[in-house]
Protein backbone atom coordinates (compact mmCIF):
# COMPACT_ATOMS: atom_id res chain seq x y z
CA MET A 1 47.10 -17.36 167.72
CA LYS A 2 44.00 -19.24 166.67
CA LYS A 3 44.40 -22.79 165.45
CA ASP A 4 42.95 -24.18 162.22
CA ILE A 5 42.23 -20.82 160.57
CA HIS A 6 44.55 -21.30 157.60
CA PRO A 7 43.40 -23.05 154.42
CA PRO A 8 45.06 -26.34 153.48
CA TYR A 9 48.36 -26.02 151.58
CA TYR A 10 48.94 -28.20 148.51
CA LYS A 11 52.62 -28.69 147.66
CA ASP A 12 51.83 -30.10 144.21
CA ALA A 13 49.11 -27.78 142.94
CA LYS A 14 48.60 -27.94 139.15
CA ILE A 15 48.36 -24.68 137.19
CA ALA A 16 47.22 -24.95 133.55
CA CYS A 17 47.88 -22.13 131.07
CA ALA A 18 45.79 -21.38 127.98
CA CYS A 19 48.89 -22.07 125.84
CA GLY A 20 48.99 -25.65 127.14
CA ASN A 21 51.82 -25.24 129.63
CA LEU A 22 51.40 -27.10 132.94
CA LEU A 23 53.08 -25.85 136.12
CA THR A 24 53.42 -27.52 139.50
CA VAL A 25 53.60 -25.07 142.41
CA GLY A 26 52.67 -24.80 146.05
CA SER A 27 49.30 -23.16 146.59
CA THR A 28 46.17 -23.11 148.73
CA VAL A 29 44.09 -24.27 145.75
CA GLU A 30 44.50 -27.74 144.28
CA SER A 31 44.29 -26.68 140.61
CA ALA A 32 43.85 -23.44 138.68
CA SER A 33 43.91 -22.15 135.12
CA VAL A 34 45.51 -18.94 133.85
CA GLU A 35 45.48 -17.10 130.51
CA ILE A 36 49.19 -16.17 130.40
CA CYS A 37 52.23 -17.86 131.93
CA SER A 38 55.97 -17.25 131.73
CA ALA A 39 56.19 -19.49 128.65
CA CYS A 40 53.83 -17.32 126.57
CA HIS A 41 54.05 -13.84 128.19
CA PRO A 42 55.44 -11.19 125.77
CA PHE A 43 57.87 -9.88 128.39
CA TYR A 44 59.60 -13.24 128.70
CA THR A 45 59.30 -14.39 125.08
CA GLY A 46 60.20 -11.09 123.41
CA THR A 47 57.31 -11.36 120.94
CA GLN A 48 54.26 -9.15 120.69
CA LYS A 49 51.00 -10.90 121.47
CA PHE A 50 47.65 -9.23 121.93
CA VAL A 51 45.43 -10.72 124.59
CA ASP A 52 41.95 -9.56 123.74
CA THR A 53 39.22 -9.74 126.33
CA ALA A 54 35.72 -8.92 125.13
CA GLY A 55 36.84 -6.78 122.17
CA ARG A 56 38.71 -4.23 124.28
CA LEU A 57 41.65 -4.24 121.92
CA GLU A 58 39.52 -3.40 118.87
CA ARG A 59 37.81 -0.59 120.75
CA PHE A 60 41.15 0.86 121.81
CA GLN A 61 42.56 0.63 118.28
CA LYS A 62 39.43 2.26 116.87
CA ARG A 63 39.74 5.16 119.35
CA ALA A 64 43.43 5.55 118.59
CA SER A 65 42.82 5.64 114.84
CA LYS A 66 40.09 8.26 115.30
CA LYS A 67 42.52 10.45 117.24
CA THR A 68 45.19 10.19 114.53
CA ASP A 69 42.59 10.91 111.83
CA ALA A 70 41.39 13.96 113.76
CA GLN A 71 44.96 15.17 114.25
CA ALA A 72 45.66 14.78 110.53
CA ALA A 73 42.48 16.70 109.72
CA ARG A 74 43.48 19.50 112.08
CA LYS A 75 46.90 19.68 110.49
CA GLY A 76 45.22 19.89 107.09
CA LYS A 77 43.01 22.75 108.23
CA LYS A 78 45.96 24.59 109.73
CA ALA A 79 47.91 24.25 106.51
CA LYS A 80 44.95 25.52 104.46
CA ASN A 81 44.54 28.49 106.80
CA LYS A 82 48.24 29.34 106.48
CA VAL A 83 48.00 29.27 102.70
CA ARG A 84 44.92 31.49 102.77
CA SER A 85 46.56 34.01 105.08
CA ALA A 86 49.68 34.02 102.92
CA ARG A 87 47.55 34.72 99.84
CA LYS A 88 45.89 37.61 101.64
CA VAL A 89 49.28 39.10 102.52
CA VAL A 90 50.45 38.74 98.92
CA LYS A 91 47.29 40.42 97.67
CA LYS A 92 47.78 43.30 100.13
CA VAL A 93 51.37 43.79 99.03
CA GLU A 94 50.39 43.71 95.33
CA LYS A 95 47.58 46.17 95.97
CA GLN A 96 49.96 48.53 97.79
CA LYS A 97 52.47 48.31 94.90
CA SER A 98 49.78 49.02 92.31
CA GLU A 99 48.56 52.08 94.28
CA LYS A 100 52.04 53.66 94.23
């Protein structure tokens, strides 16, 4: 194996989270910063927290609301069409009764 190809290993590397939590771990970088750690991650805390990067969350929520609005509109159209077809059937039956 080649010698001196591995980066230096720091046993006391400092990791800083956006929530203010500081971690000391072993790493090949001396210090790093992260957005989410085990102290603030929703999986570990049991709370819902949205991490929004560049408005992606708003765009997703806007698309989702458009889909639900479109589905509701389709359901409304289907219901109207059913009522119209039922009225046509009733009119046919009444017309047949009046002809007899």
